[in-house]
Amino acid sequence: MARKDELANQLSGGERPARRPGWRDTISAGRPVEPAAAAPAPEPEPVRERSRARSAQAADQDRQIRKTYILTPQLVEHIAALAAKERVAINELVRFLLTEALLQVENRELTIPTKPARRQINMEDY
């Protein structure tokens, strides 16, 4: 600290005061700094149950989960090629295609080709 004071005296050409005020002294102008009192938290506005339910439902719709489905290599390649062609992310494309297909099934615009279930022997009647 002495060396620092020596150099400061040489630069300023005079004696340096014993103690220079720091940033805290400058801000408080010599008064002791007291922590500011915390402002009371505002009262939360009442929220209707219906809007809470809507918020929870919207959060669930926006939430994404990882799921694994078994696909053929040809289908995986087809999806990847389409995503590259359209310049979109593969996951976004798959979500879009599945959503559209499900909407078409629900609106009876797309029929799922199913076969009648196989009959099984009821062992209770045997």
C-alpha atoms as a PDB file:
ATOM      1  CA  MET A   1       0.000   0.000   0.000  1.00  0.00           C
ATOM      2  CA  ALA A   2       2.918   2.318   0.724  1.00  0.00           C
ATOM      3  CA  ARG A   3       4.279   1.882  -2.804  1.00  0.00           C
ATOM      4  CA  LYS A   4       0.849   2.714  -4.213  1.00  0.00           C
ATOM      5  CA  ASP A   5       0.706   5.909  -2.132  1.00  0.00           C
ATOM      6  CA  GLU A   6       4.230   6.855  -3.253  1.00  0.00           C
ATOM      7  CA  LEU A   7       3.339   6.506  -6.903  1.00  0.00           C
ATOM      8  CA  ALA A   8       0.086   8.442  -6.418  1.00  0.00           C
ATOM      9  CA  ASN A   9       2.014  11.274  -4.737  1.00  0.00           C
ATOM     10  CA  GLN A  10       4.484  11.428  -7.636  1.00  0.00           C
ATOM     11  CA  LEU A  11       1.673  11.611 -10.176  1.00  0.00           C
ATOM     12  CA  SER A  12      -0.418  14.181  -8.303  1.00  0.00           C
ATOM     13  CA  GLY A  13       2.573  16.241  -7.204  1.00  0.00           C
ATOM     14  CA  GLY A  14       1.480  16.480  -3.595  1.00  0.00           C
ATOM     15  CA  GLU A  15       0.644  14.646  -0.456  1.00  0.00           C
ATOM     16  CA  ARG A  16      -2.179  12.260  -0.694  1.00  0.00           C
ATOM     17  CA  PRO A  17      -4.843  12.208   2.022  1.00  0.00           C
ATOM     18  CA  ALA A  18      -4.477   9.325   4.429  1.00  0.00           C
ATOM     19  CA  ARG A  19      -7.735   7.774   3.346  1.00  0.00           C
ATOM     20  CA  ARG A  20      -9.621   8.254   0.134  1.00  0.00           C
ATOM     21  CA  PRO A  21     -13.371   7.813   0.201  1.00  0.00           C
ATOM     22  CA  GLY A  22     -14.578   4.615  -1.414  1.00  0.00           C
ATOM     23  CA  TRP A  23     -17.742   4.022  -3.391  1.00  0.00           C
ATOM     24  CA  ARG A  24     -19.759   3.288  -0.278  1.00  0.00           C
ATOM     25  CA  ASP A  25     -18.597   6.531   1.383  1.00  0.00           C
ATOM     26  CA  THR A  26     -19.423   8.488  -1.739  1.00  0.00           C
ATOM     27  CA  ILE A  27     -22.908   7.023  -2.007  1.00  0.00           C
ATOM     28  CA  SER A  28     -23.828   7.363   1.631  1.00  0.00           C
ATOM     29  CA  ALA A  29     -22.039  10.706   2.115  1.00  0.00           C
ATOM     30  CA  GLY A  30     -20.506   9.518   5.387  1.00  0.00           C
ATOM     31  CA  ARG A  31     -23.705   8.016   6.775  1.00  0.00           C
ATOM     32  CA  PRO A  32     -23.685   4.347   7.627  1.00  0.00           C
ATOM     33  CA  VAL A  33     -25.359   2.285   4.951  1.00  0.00           C
ATOM     34  CA  GLU A  34     -28.410   0.409   6.178  1.00  0.00           C
ATOM     35  CA  PRO A  35     -30.072  -2.300   4.176  1.00  0.00           C
ATOM     36  CA  ALA A  36     -33.276  -1.176   2.517  1.00  0.00           C
ATOM     37  CA  ALA A  37     -36.471  -2.410   4.110  1.00  0.00           C
ATOM     38  CA  ALA A  38     -38.168  -5.064   2.047  1.00  0.00           C
ATOM     39  CA  ALA A  39     -41.404  -3.921   0.487  1.00  0.00           C
ATOM     40  CA  PRO A  40     -44.409  -6.002   1.480  1.00  0.00           C
ATOM     41  CA  ALA A  41     -45.402  -8.500  -1.189  1.00  0.00           C
ATOM     42  CA  PRO A  42     -48.540  -7.483  -3.068  1.00  0.00           C
ATOM     43  CA  GLU A  43     -51.615  -9.514  -2.338  1.00  0.00           C
ATOM     44  CA  PRO A  44     -52.245 -12.010  -5.132  1.00  0.00           C
ATOM     45  CA  GLU A  45     -55.377 -11.384  -7.108  1.00  0.00           C
ATOM     46  CA  PRO A  46     -58.068 -14.006  -6.712  1.00  0.00           C
ATOM     47  CA  VAL A  47     -57.921 -16.535  -9.511  1.00  0.00           C
ATOM     48  CA  ARG A  48     -60.971 -18.429 -10.630  1.00  0.00           C
ATOM     49  CA  GLU A  49     -60.869 -22.206 -10.584  1.00  0.00           C
ATOM     50  CA  ARG A  50     -61.849 -22.287 -14.243  1.00  0.00           C
ATOM     51  CA  SER A  51     -58.844 -20.190 -15.293  1.00  0.00           C
ATOM     52  CA  ARG A  52     -56.569 -22.392 -13.159  1.00  0.00           C
ATOM     53  CA  ALA A  53     -57.946 -25.465 -14.908  1.00  0.00           C
ATOM     54  CA  ARG A  54     -57.385 -23.817 -18.315  1.00  0.00           C
ATOM     55  CA  SER A  55     -53.814 -22.909 -17.382  1.00  0.00           C
ATOM     56  CA  ALA A  56     -53.109 -26.465 -16.245  1.00  0.00           C
ATOM     57  CA  GLN A  57     -54.649 -27.861 -19.432  1.00  0.00           C
ATOM     58  CA  ALA A  58     -52.584 -25.494 -21.606  1.00  0.00           C
ATOM     59  CA  ALA A  59     -49.423 -26.465 -19.743  1.00  0.00           C
ATOM     60  CA  ASP A  60     -50.202 -30.149 -20.328  1.00  0.00           C
ATOM     61  CA  GLN A  61     -50.768 -29.512 -24.045  1.00  0.00           C
ATOM     62  CA  ASP A  62     -47.469 -27.638 -24.373  1.00  0.00           C
ATOM     63  CA  ARG A  63     -45.544 -30.282 -22.444  1.00  0.00           C
ATOM     64  CA  GLN A  64     -43.764 -32.813 -24.607  1.00  0.00           C
ATOM     65  CA  ILE A  65     -42.905 -36.350 -23.621  1.00  0.00           C
ATOM     66  CA  ARG A  66     -40.530 -38.831 -25.214  1.00  0.00           C
ATOM     67  CA  LYS A  67     -42.234 -41.933 -26.586  1.00  0.00           C
ATOM     68  CA  THR A  68     -40.831 -44.812 -28.611  1.00  0.00           C
ATOM     69  CA  TYR A  69     -42.710 -46.417 -31.485  1.00  0.00           C
ATOM     70  CA  ILE A  70     -41.440 -49.211 -33.701  1.00  0.00           C
ATOM     71  CA  LEU A  71     -41.116 -48.104 -37.330  1.00  0.00           C
ATOM     72  CA  THR A  72     -39.683 -49.728 -40.431  1.00  0.00           C
ATOM     73  CA  PRO A  73     -36.337 -48.450 -41.754  1.00  0.00           C
ATOM     74  CA  GLN A  74     -38.078 -47.369 -44.965  1.00  0.00           C
ATOM     75  CA  LEU A  75     -40.565 -45.234 -43.027  1.00  0.00           C
ATOM     76  CA  VAL A  76     -37.765 -43.652 -40.973  1.00  0.00           C
ATOM     77  CA  GLU A  77     -35.845 -42.810 -44.169  1.00  0.00           C
ATOM     78  CA  HIS A  78     -38.998 -41.438 -45.805  1.00  0.00           C
ATOM     79  CA  ILE A  79     -39.678 -39.144 -42.824  1.00  0.00           C
ATOM     80  CA  ALA A  80     -36.043 -37.973 -42.727  1.00  0.00           C
ATOM     81  CA  ALA A  81     -36.060 -37.256 -46.482  1.00  0.00           C
ATOM     82  CA  LEU A  82     -39.324 -35.304 -46.222  1.00  0.00           C
ATOM     83  CA  ALA A  83     -38.014 -33.307 -43.249  1.00  0.00           C
ATOM     84  CA  ALA A  84     -34.848 -32.448 -45.183  1.00  0.00           C
ATOM     85  CA  LYS A  85     -36.852 -31.502 -48.281  1.00  0.00           C
ATOM     86  CA  GLU A  86     -39.195 -29.260 -46.285  1.00  0.00           C
ATOM     87  CA  ARG A  87     -36.305 -27.993 -44.113  1.00  0.00           C
ATOM     88  CA  VAL A  88     -38.023 -28.726 -40.805  1.00  0.00           C
ATOM     89  CA  ALA A  89     -36.978 -30.699 -37.745  1.00  0.00           C
ATOM     90  CA  ILE A  90     -37.891 -34.384 -37.844  1.00  0.00           C
ATOM     91  CA  ASN A  91     -39.714 -34.278 -34.474  1.00  0.00           C
ATOM     92  CA  GLU A  92     -41.806 -31.297 -35.586  1.00  0.00           C
ATOM     93  CA  LEU A  93     -42.692 -33.053 -38.831  1.00  0.00           C
ATOM     94  CA  VAL A  94     -43.705 -36.256 -37.038  1.00  0.00           C
ATOM     95  CA  ARG A  95     -45.868 -34.292 -34.551  1.00  0.00           C
ATOM     96  CA  PHE A  96     -47.511 -32.436 -37.444  1.00  0.00           C
ATOM     97  CA  LEU A  97     -48.190 -35.567 -39.486  1.00  0.00           C
ATOM     98  CA  LEU A  98     -49.568 -37.521 -36.525  1.00  0.00           C
ATOM     99  CA  THR A  99     -51.796 -34.632 -35.459  1.00  0.00           C
ATOM    100  CA  GLU A 100     -53.193 -34.229 -38.966  1.00  0.00           C
ATOM    101  CA  ALA A 101     -53.775 -37.964 -39.372  1.00  0.00           C
ATOM    102  CA  LEU A 102     -55.558 -38.184 -36.009  1.00  0.00           C
ATOM    103  CA  LEU A 103     -57.784 -35.237 -36.909  1.00  0.00           C
ATOM    104  CA  GLN A 104     -58.656 -36.892 -40.231  1.00  0.00           C
ATOM    105  CA  VAL A 105     -59.566 -40.144 -38.469  1.00  0.00           C
ATOM    106  CA  GLU A 106     -61.733 -38.273 -35.946  1.00  0.00           C
ATOM    107  CA  ASN A 107     -63.467 -36.341 -38.759  1.00  0.00           C
ATOM    108  CA  ARG A 108     -63.978 -39.603 -40.696  1.00  0.00           C
ATOM    109  CA  GLU A 109     -61.871 -38.301 -43.582  1.00  0.00           C
ATOM    110  CA  LEU A 110     -59.423 -41.184 -43.152  1.00  0.00           C
ATOM    111  CA  THR A 111     -60.417 -44.758 -42.439  1.00  0.00           C
ATOM    112  CA  ILE A 112     -58.132 -47.135 -40.610  1.00  0.00           C
ATOM    113  CA  PRO A 113     -58.127 -50.435 -42.527  1.00  0.00           C
ATOM    114  CA  THR A 114     -58.765 -53.062 -39.867  1.00  0.00           C
ATOM    115  CA  LYS A 115     -59.706 -56.712 -40.054  1.00  0.00           C
ATOM    116  CA  PRO A 116     -62.233 -58.435 -37.847  1.00  0.00           C
ATOM    117  CA  ALA A 117     -60.730 -59.837 -34.664  1.00  0.00           C
ATOM    118  CA  ARG A 118     -59.905 -63.535 -34.518  1.00  0.00           C
ATOM    119  CA  ARG A 119     -62.229 -65.665 -32.498  1.00  0.00           C
ATOM    120  CA  GLN A 120     -60.865 -67.334 -29.420  1.00  0.00           C
ATOM    121  CA  ILE A 121     -62.025 -70.419 -27.586  1.00  0.00           C
ATOM    122  CA  ASN A 122     -63.738 -69.608 -24.346  1.00  0.00           C
ATOM    123  CA  MET A 123     -62.329 -72.164 -21.912  1.00  0.00           C
ATOM    124  CA  GLU A 124     -65.056 -71.469 -19.348  1.00  0.00           C
ATOM    125  CA  ASP A 125     -67.665 -73.117 -21.581  1.00  0.00           C
ATOM    126  CA  TYR A 126     -65.534 -76.127 -22.375  1.00  0.00           C
END
